[in-house]
């Protein structure tokens, strides 16, 4: 089981440029971060052998952004 990490610490460790950090989209549910879009999937959202249902999300940035 992965250790929880603060979002700010994750972004710094992943070397996300400071100017981008406020613009990284997040998908959340039940008070947890499920997906840091473009960087990493949260532990709570990973598909496992016990997973019964999945939701597929696709991120498409707007042109010019």
PDB file of N, CA and C in Angstrom:
ATOM      1  N   UNK A   1       0.846  -1.172   0.000  1.00  0.00           N
ATOM      2  CA  UNK A   1       0.000   0.000   0.000  1.00  0.00           C
ATOM      3  C   UNK A   1       0.899   1.245   0.000  1.00  0.00           C
ATOM      4  N   UNK A   2       0.628   2.148  -0.877  1.00  0.00           N
ATOM      5  CA  UNK A   2       1.439   3.370  -0.991  1.00  0.00           C
ATOM      6  C   UNK A   2       1.138   4.328   0.153  1.00  0.00           C
ATOM      7  N   UNK A   3       2.149   5.056   0.563  1.00  0.00           N
ATOM      8  CA  UNK A   3       1.985   6.056   1.609  1.00  0.00           C
ATOM      9  C   UNK A   3       1.297   7.291   1.034  1.00  0.00           C
ATOM     10  N   UNK A   4       0.371   7.895   1.786  1.00  0.00           N
ATOM     11  CA  UNK A   4      -0.252   9.142   1.320  1.00  0.00           C
ATOM     12  C   UNK A   4       0.802  10.247   1.214  1.00  0.00           C
ATOM     13  N   UNK A   5       0.584  11.140   0.281  1.00  0.00           N
ATOM     14  CA  UNK A   5       1.505  12.248   0.082  1.00  0.00           C
ATOM     15  C   UNK A   5       0.684  13.497  -0.192  1.00  0.00           C
ATOM     16  N   UNK A   6       1.102  14.618   0.359  1.00  0.00           N
ATOM     17  CA  UNK A   6       0.414  15.875   0.087  1.00  0.00           C
ATOM     18  C   UNK A   6       0.564  16.209  -1.391  1.00  0.00           C
ATOM     19  N   UNK A   7      -0.481  16.822  -1.952  1.00  0.00           N
ATOM     20  CA  UNK A   7      -0.454  17.168  -3.368  1.00  0.00           C
ATOM     21  C   UNK A   7       0.739  18.065  -3.690  1.00  0.00           C
ATOM     22  N   UNK A   8       0.990  19.061  -2.871  1.00  0.00           N
ATOM     23  CA  UNK A   8       2.128  19.965  -3.115  1.00  0.00           C
ATOM     24  C   UNK A   8       3.437  19.187  -3.153  1.00  0.00           C
ATOM     25  N   UNK A   9       3.618  18.270  -2.234  1.00  0.00           N
ATOM     26  CA  UNK A   9       4.847  17.463  -2.217  1.00  0.00           C
ATOM     27  C   UNK A   9       4.951  16.600  -3.475  1.00  0.00           C
ATOM     28  N   UNK A  10       3.826  16.025  -3.890  1.00  0.00           N
ATOM     29  CA  UNK A  10       3.840  15.220  -5.111  1.00  0.00           C
ATOM     30  C   UNK A  10       4.255  16.070  -6.312  1.00  0.00           C
ATOM     31  N   UNK A  11       3.664  17.251  -6.451  1.00  0.00           N
ATOM     32  CA  UNK A  11       3.965  18.106  -7.599  1.00  0.00           C
ATOM     33  C   UNK A  11       5.433  18.526  -7.615  1.00  0.00           C
ATOM     34  N   UNK A  12       5.981  18.824  -6.455  1.00  0.00           N
ATOM     35  CA  UNK A  12       7.401  19.195  -6.371  1.00  0.00           C
ATOM     36  C   UNK A  12       8.268  17.988  -6.727  1.00  0.00           C
ATOM     37  N   UNK A  13       7.976  16.829  -6.138  1.00  0.00           N
ATOM     38  CA  UNK A  13       8.763  15.616  -6.405  1.00  0.00           C
ATOM     39  C   UNK A  13       8.687  15.198  -7.874  1.00  0.00           C
ATOM     40  N   UNK A  14       7.523  15.441  -8.520  1.00  0.00           N
ATOM     41  CA  UNK A  14       7.347  15.091  -9.931  1.00  0.00           C
ATOM     42  C   UNK A  14       7.937  16.160 -10.852  1.00  0.00           C
ATOM     43  N   UNK A  15       8.492  17.200 -10.245  1.00  0.00           N
ATOM     44  CA  UNK A  15       9.120  18.295 -10.995  1.00  0.00           C
ATOM     45  C   UNK A  15       8.147  19.007 -11.935  1.00  0.00           C
ATOM     46  N   UNK A  16       6.892  19.135 -11.458  1.00  0.00           N
ATOM     47  CA  UNK A  16       5.914  19.919 -12.206  1.00  0.00           C
ATOM     48  C   UNK A  16       6.314  21.384 -12.037  1.00  0.00           C
ATOM     49  N   UNK A  17       6.512  22.103 -13.134  1.00  0.00           N
ATOM     50  CA  UNK A  17       6.918  23.510 -13.013  1.00  0.00           C
ATOM     51  C   UNK A  17       5.944  24.306 -12.142  1.00  0.00           C
ATOM     52  N   UNK A  18       6.489  25.178 -11.330  1.00  0.00           N
ATOM     53  CA  UNK A  18       5.685  25.970 -10.389  1.00  0.00           C
ATOM     54  C   UNK A  18       4.538  26.686 -11.107  1.00  0.00           C
ATOM     55  N   UNK A  19       4.798  27.228 -12.288  1.00  0.00           N
ATOM     56  CA  UNK A  19       3.777  27.975 -13.027  1.00  0.00           C
ATOM     57  C   UNK A  19       2.609  27.088 -13.460  1.00  0.00           C
ATOM     58  N   UNK A  20       2.816  25.784 -13.563  1.00  0.00           N
ATOM     59  CA  UNK A  20       1.756  24.866 -13.992  1.00  0.00           C
ATOM     60  C   UNK A  20       0.921  24.335 -12.833  1.00  0.00           C
ATOM     61  N   UNK A  21       1.439  24.384 -11.631  1.00  0.00           N
ATOM     62  CA  UNK A  21       0.823  23.664 -10.498  1.00  0.00           C
ATOM     63  C   UNK A  21      -0.621  24.052 -10.218  1.00  0.00           C
ATOM     64  N   UNK A  22      -0.978  25.314 -10.362  1.00  0.00           N
ATOM     65  CA  UNK A  22      -2.363  25.728 -10.115  1.00  0.00           C
ATOM     66  C   UNK A  22      -3.288  25.374 -11.266  1.00  0.00           C
ATOM     67  N   UNK A  23      -2.717  24.885 -12.371  1.00  0.00           N
ATOM     68  CA  UNK A  23      -3.517  24.582 -13.557  1.00  0.00           C
ATOM     69  C   UNK A  23      -3.667  23.086 -13.815  1.00  0.00           C
ATOM     70  N   UNK A  24      -3.039  22.250 -13.008  1.00  0.00           N
ATOM     71  CA  UNK A  24      -3.141  20.796 -13.204  1.00  0.00           C
ATOM     72  C   UNK A  24      -4.535  20.348 -12.764  1.00  0.00           C
ATOM     73  N   UNK A  25      -5.316  19.756 -13.682  1.00  0.00           N
ATOM     74  CA  UNK A  25      -6.663  19.302 -13.309  1.00  0.00           C
ATOM     75  C   UNK A  25      -6.600  18.124 -12.336  1.00  0.00           C
ATOM     76  N   UNK A  26      -7.571  18.075 -11.443  1.00  0.00           N
ATOM     77  CA  UNK A  26      -7.695  16.981 -10.479  1.00  0.00           C
ATOM     78  C   UNK A  26      -9.069  16.349 -10.603  1.00  0.00           C
ATOM     79  N   UNK A  27      -9.136  15.037 -10.429  1.00  0.00           N
ATOM     80  CA  UNK A  27     -10.404  14.325 -10.318  1.00  0.00           C
ATOM     81  C   UNK A  27     -10.443  13.810  -8.885  1.00  0.00           C
ATOM     82  N   UNK A  28     -11.519  14.149  -8.173  1.00  0.00           N
ATOM     83  CA  UNK A  28     -11.624  13.761  -6.769  1.00  0.00           C
ATOM     84  C   UNK A  28     -12.934  13.017  -6.514  1.00  0.00           C
ATOM     85  N   UNK A  29     -12.956  12.282  -5.429  1.00  0.00           N
ATOM     86  CA  UNK A  29     -14.159  11.585  -5.001  1.00  0.00           C
ATOM     87  C   UNK A  29     -13.997  11.117  -3.574  1.00  0.00           C
ATOM     88  N   UNK A  30     -15.049  11.204  -2.795  1.00  0.00           N
ATOM     89  CA  UNK A  30     -15.019  10.800  -1.379  1.00  0.00           C
ATOM     90  C   UNK A  30     -13.882  11.481  -0.626  1.00  0.00           C
ATOM     91  N   UNK A  31     -13.580  12.730  -0.984  1.00  0.00           N
ATOM     92  CA  UNK A  31     -12.544  13.487  -0.278  1.00  0.00           C
ATOM     93  C   UNK A  31     -11.120  13.068  -0.605  1.00  0.00           C
ATOM     94  N   UNK A  32     -10.964  12.261  -1.671  1.00  0.00           N
ATOM     95  CA  UNK A  32      -9.627  11.801  -2.056  1.00  0.00           C
ATOM     96  C   UNK A  32      -9.321  12.221  -3.486  1.00  0.00           C
ATOM     97  N   UNK A  33      -8.053  12.393  -3.775  1.00  0.00           N
ATOM     98  CA  UNK A  33      -7.631  12.661  -5.143  1.00  0.00           C
ATOM     99  C   UNK A  33      -7.538  11.324  -5.864  1.00  0.00           C
ATOM    100  N   UNK A  34      -8.299  11.197  -6.957  1.00  0.00           N
ATOM    101  CA  UNK A  34      -8.320   9.963  -7.724  1.00  0.00           C
ATOM    102  C   UNK A  34      -7.372  10.021  -8.915  1.00  0.00           C
ATOM    103  N   UNK A  35      -7.156  11.227  -9.446  1.00  0.00           N
ATOM    104  CA  UNK A  35      -6.307  11.361 -10.623  1.00  0.00           C
ATOM    105  C   UNK A  35      -5.726  12.763 -10.663  1.00  0.00           C
ATOM    106  N   UNK A  36      -4.411  12.847 -10.720  1.00  0.00           N
ATOM    107  CA  UNK A  36      -3.725  14.101 -11.010  1.00  0.00           C
ATOM    108  C   UNK A  36      -3.510  14.019 -12.522  1.00  0.00           C
ATOM    109  N   UNK A  37      -4.393  14.677 -13.270  1.00  0.00           N
ATOM    110  CA  UNK A  37      -4.462  14.516 -14.722  1.00  0.00           C
ATOM    111  C   UNK A  37      -3.111  14.803 -15.372  1.00  0.00           C
ATOM    112  N   UNK A  38      -2.684  13.829 -16.160  1.00  0.00           N
ATOM    113  CA  UNK A  38      -1.427  13.950 -16.874  1.00  0.00           C
ATOM    114  C   UNK A  38      -0.210  13.509 -16.089  1.00  0.00           C
ATOM    115  N   UNK A  39      -0.394  13.180 -14.806  1.00  0.00           N
ATOM    116  CA  UNK A  39       0.756  12.835 -13.975  1.00  0.00           C
ATOM    117  C   UNK A  39       0.626  11.476 -13.308  1.00  0.00           C
ATOM    118  N   UNK A  40      -0.472  11.241 -12.578  1.00  0.00           N
ATOM    119  CA  UNK A  40      -0.558   9.970 -11.855  1.00  0.00           C
ATOM    120  C   UNK A  40      -1.999   9.675 -11.426  1.00  0.00           C
ATOM    121  N   UNK A  41      -2.313   8.384 -11.371  1.00  0.00           N
ATOM    122  CA  UNK A  41      -3.584   7.893 -10.865  1.00  0.00           C
ATOM    123  C   UNK A  41      -3.440   7.649  -9.371  1.00  0.00           C
ATOM    124  N   UNK A  42      -4.452   8.032  -8.599  1.00  0.00           N
ATOM    125  CA  UNK A  42      -4.424   7.804  -7.161  1.00  0.00           C
ATOM    126  C   UNK A  42      -4.641   6.347  -6.818  1.00  0.00           C
ATOM    127  N   UNK A  43      -4.127   5.921  -5.684  1.00  0.00           N
ATOM    128  CA  UNK A  43      -4.262   4.526  -5.252  1.00  0.00           C
ATOM    129  C   UNK A  43      -5.723   4.094  -5.189  1.00  0.00           C
ATOM    130  N   UNK A  44      -6.615   4.976  -4.738  1.00  0.00           N
ATOM    131  CA  UNK A  44      -8.029   4.622  -4.583  1.00  0.00           C
ATOM    132  C   UNK A  44      -8.719   4.376  -5.919  1.00  0.00           C
ATOM    133  N   UNK A  45      -8.126   4.826  -7.022  1.00  0.00           N
ATOM    134  CA  UNK A  45      -8.761   4.693  -8.333  1.00  0.00           C
ATOM    135  C   UNK A  45      -8.172   3.573  -9.179  1.00  0.00           C
ATOM    136  N   UNK A  46      -7.174   2.899  -8.676  1.00  0.00           N
ATOM    137  CA  UNK A  46      -6.534   1.844  -9.469  1.00  0.00           C
ATOM    138  C   UNK A  46      -7.447   0.624  -9.603  1.00  0.00           C
ATOM    139  N   UNK A  47      -7.417   0.040 -10.785  1.00  0.00           N
ATOM    140  CA  UNK A  47      -8.203  -1.179 -11.043  1.00  0.00           C
ATOM    141  C   UNK A  47      -7.427  -2.365 -10.471  1.00  0.00           C
ATOM    142  N   UNK A  48      -8.101  -3.170  -9.685  1.00  0.00           N
ATOM    143  CA  UNK A  48      -7.503  -4.340  -9.042  1.00  0.00           C
ATOM    144  C   UNK A  48      -8.320  -5.580  -9.407  1.00  0.00           C
ATOM    145  N   UNK A  49      -7.845  -6.770  -9.053  1.00  0.00           N
ATOM    146  CA  UNK A  49      -8.649  -7.974  -9.321  1.00  0.00           C
ATOM    147  C   UNK A  49     -10.026  -7.935  -8.660  1.00  0.00           C
ATOM    148  N   UNK A  50     -10.182  -7.166  -7.588  1.00  0.00           N
ATOM    149  CA  UNK A  50     -11.470  -7.068  -6.901  1.00  0.00           C
ATOM    150  C   UNK A  50     -12.382  -5.975  -7.439  1.00  0.00           C
ATOM    151  N   UNK A  51     -11.941  -5.237  -8.430  1.00  0.00           N
ATOM    152  CA  UNK A  51     -12.740  -4.151  -8.995  1.00  0.00           C
ATOM    153  C   UNK A  51     -13.965  -4.708  -9.711  1.00  0.00           C
ATOM    154  N   UNK A  52     -15.130  -4.132  -9.417  1.00  0.00           N
ATOM    155  CA  UNK A  52     -16.367  -4.603 -10.031  1.00  0.00           C
ATOM    156  C   UNK A  52     -16.870  -3.673 -11.136  1.00  0.00           C
ATOM    157  N   UNK A  53     -16.583  -2.372 -11.004  1.00  0.00           N
ATOM    158  CA  UNK A  53     -17.026  -1.413 -12.020  1.00  0.00           C
ATOM    159  C   UNK A  53     -15.894  -0.426 -12.280  1.00  0.00           C
ATOM    160  N   UNK A  54     -15.850   0.077 -13.500  1.00  0.00           N
ATOM    161  CA  UNK A  54     -14.855   1.086 -13.848  1.00  0.00           C
ATOM    162  C   UNK A  54     -15.540   2.247 -14.564  1.00  0.00           C
ATOM    163  N   UNK A  55     -14.946   3.399 -14.445  1.00  0.00           N
ATOM    164  CA  UNK A  55     -15.373   4.592 -15.168  1.00  0.00           C
ATOM    165  C   UNK A  55     -14.161   5.047 -15.953  1.00  0.00           C
ATOM    166  N   UNK A  56     -14.317   5.181 -17.249  1.00  0.00           N
ATOM    167  CA  UNK A  56     -13.213   5.613 -18.088  1.00  0.00           C
ATOM    168  C   UNK A  56     -13.355   7.100 -18.349  1.00  0.00           C
ATOM    169  N   UNK A  57     -12.332   7.853 -17.972  1.00  0.00           N
ATOM    170  CA  UNK A  57     -12.298   9.296 -18.206  1.00  0.00           C
ATOM    171  C   UNK A  57     -11.184   9.593 -19.182  1.00  0.00           C
ATOM    172  N   UNK A  58     -11.433  10.541 -20.057  1.00  0.00           N
ATOM    173  CA  UNK A  58     -10.415  10.958 -21.017  1.00  0.00           C
ATOM    174  C   UNK A  58     -10.296  12.465 -20.926  1.00  0.00           C
ATOM    175  N   UNK A  59      -9.074  12.944 -20.824  1.00  0.00           N
ATOM    176  CA  UNK A  59      -8.825  14.385 -20.747  1.00  0.00           C
ATOM    177  C   UNK A  59      -8.339  14.871 -22.088  1.00  0.00           C
ATOM    178  N   UNK A  60      -9.010  15.872 -22.615  1.00  0.00           N
ATOM    179  CA  UNK A  60      -8.587  16.493 -23.861  1.00  0.00           C
ATOM    180  C   UNK A  60      -8.423  17.988 -23.615  1.00  0.00           C
ATOM    181  N   UNK A  61      -7.172  18.470 -23.639  1.00  0.00           N
ATOM    182  CA  UNK A  61      -6.978  19.904 -23.409  1.00  0.00           C
ATOM    183  C   UNK A  61      -7.613  20.723 -24.531  1.00  0.00           C
ATOM    184  N   UNK A  62      -8.044  21.909 -24.175  1.00  0.00           N
ATOM    185  CA  UNK A  62      -8.597  22.818 -25.181  1.00  0.00           C
ATOM    186  C   UNK A  62      -7.488  23.290 -26.108  1.00  0.00           C
ATOM    187  N   UNK A  63      -7.768  23.427 -27.377  1.00  0.00           N
ATOM    188  CA  UNK A  63      -6.746  23.932 -28.292  1.00  0.00           C
ATOM    189  C   UNK A  63      -6.250  25.308 -27.846  1.00  0.00           C
ATOM    190  N   UNK A  64      -4.946  25.481 -27.873  1.00  0.00           N
ATOM    191  CA  UNK A  64      -4.352  26.760 -27.503  1.00  0.00           C
ATOM    192  C   UNK A  64      -4.135  26.943 -26.013  1.00  0.00           C
ATOM    193  N   UNK A  65      -4.423  25.904 -25.219  1.00  0.00           N
ATOM    194  CA  UNK A  65      -4.210  26.071 -23.772  1.00  0.00           C
ATOM    195  C   UNK A  65      -3.021  25.277 -23.306  1.00  0.00           C
TER     196      UNK A  65
END
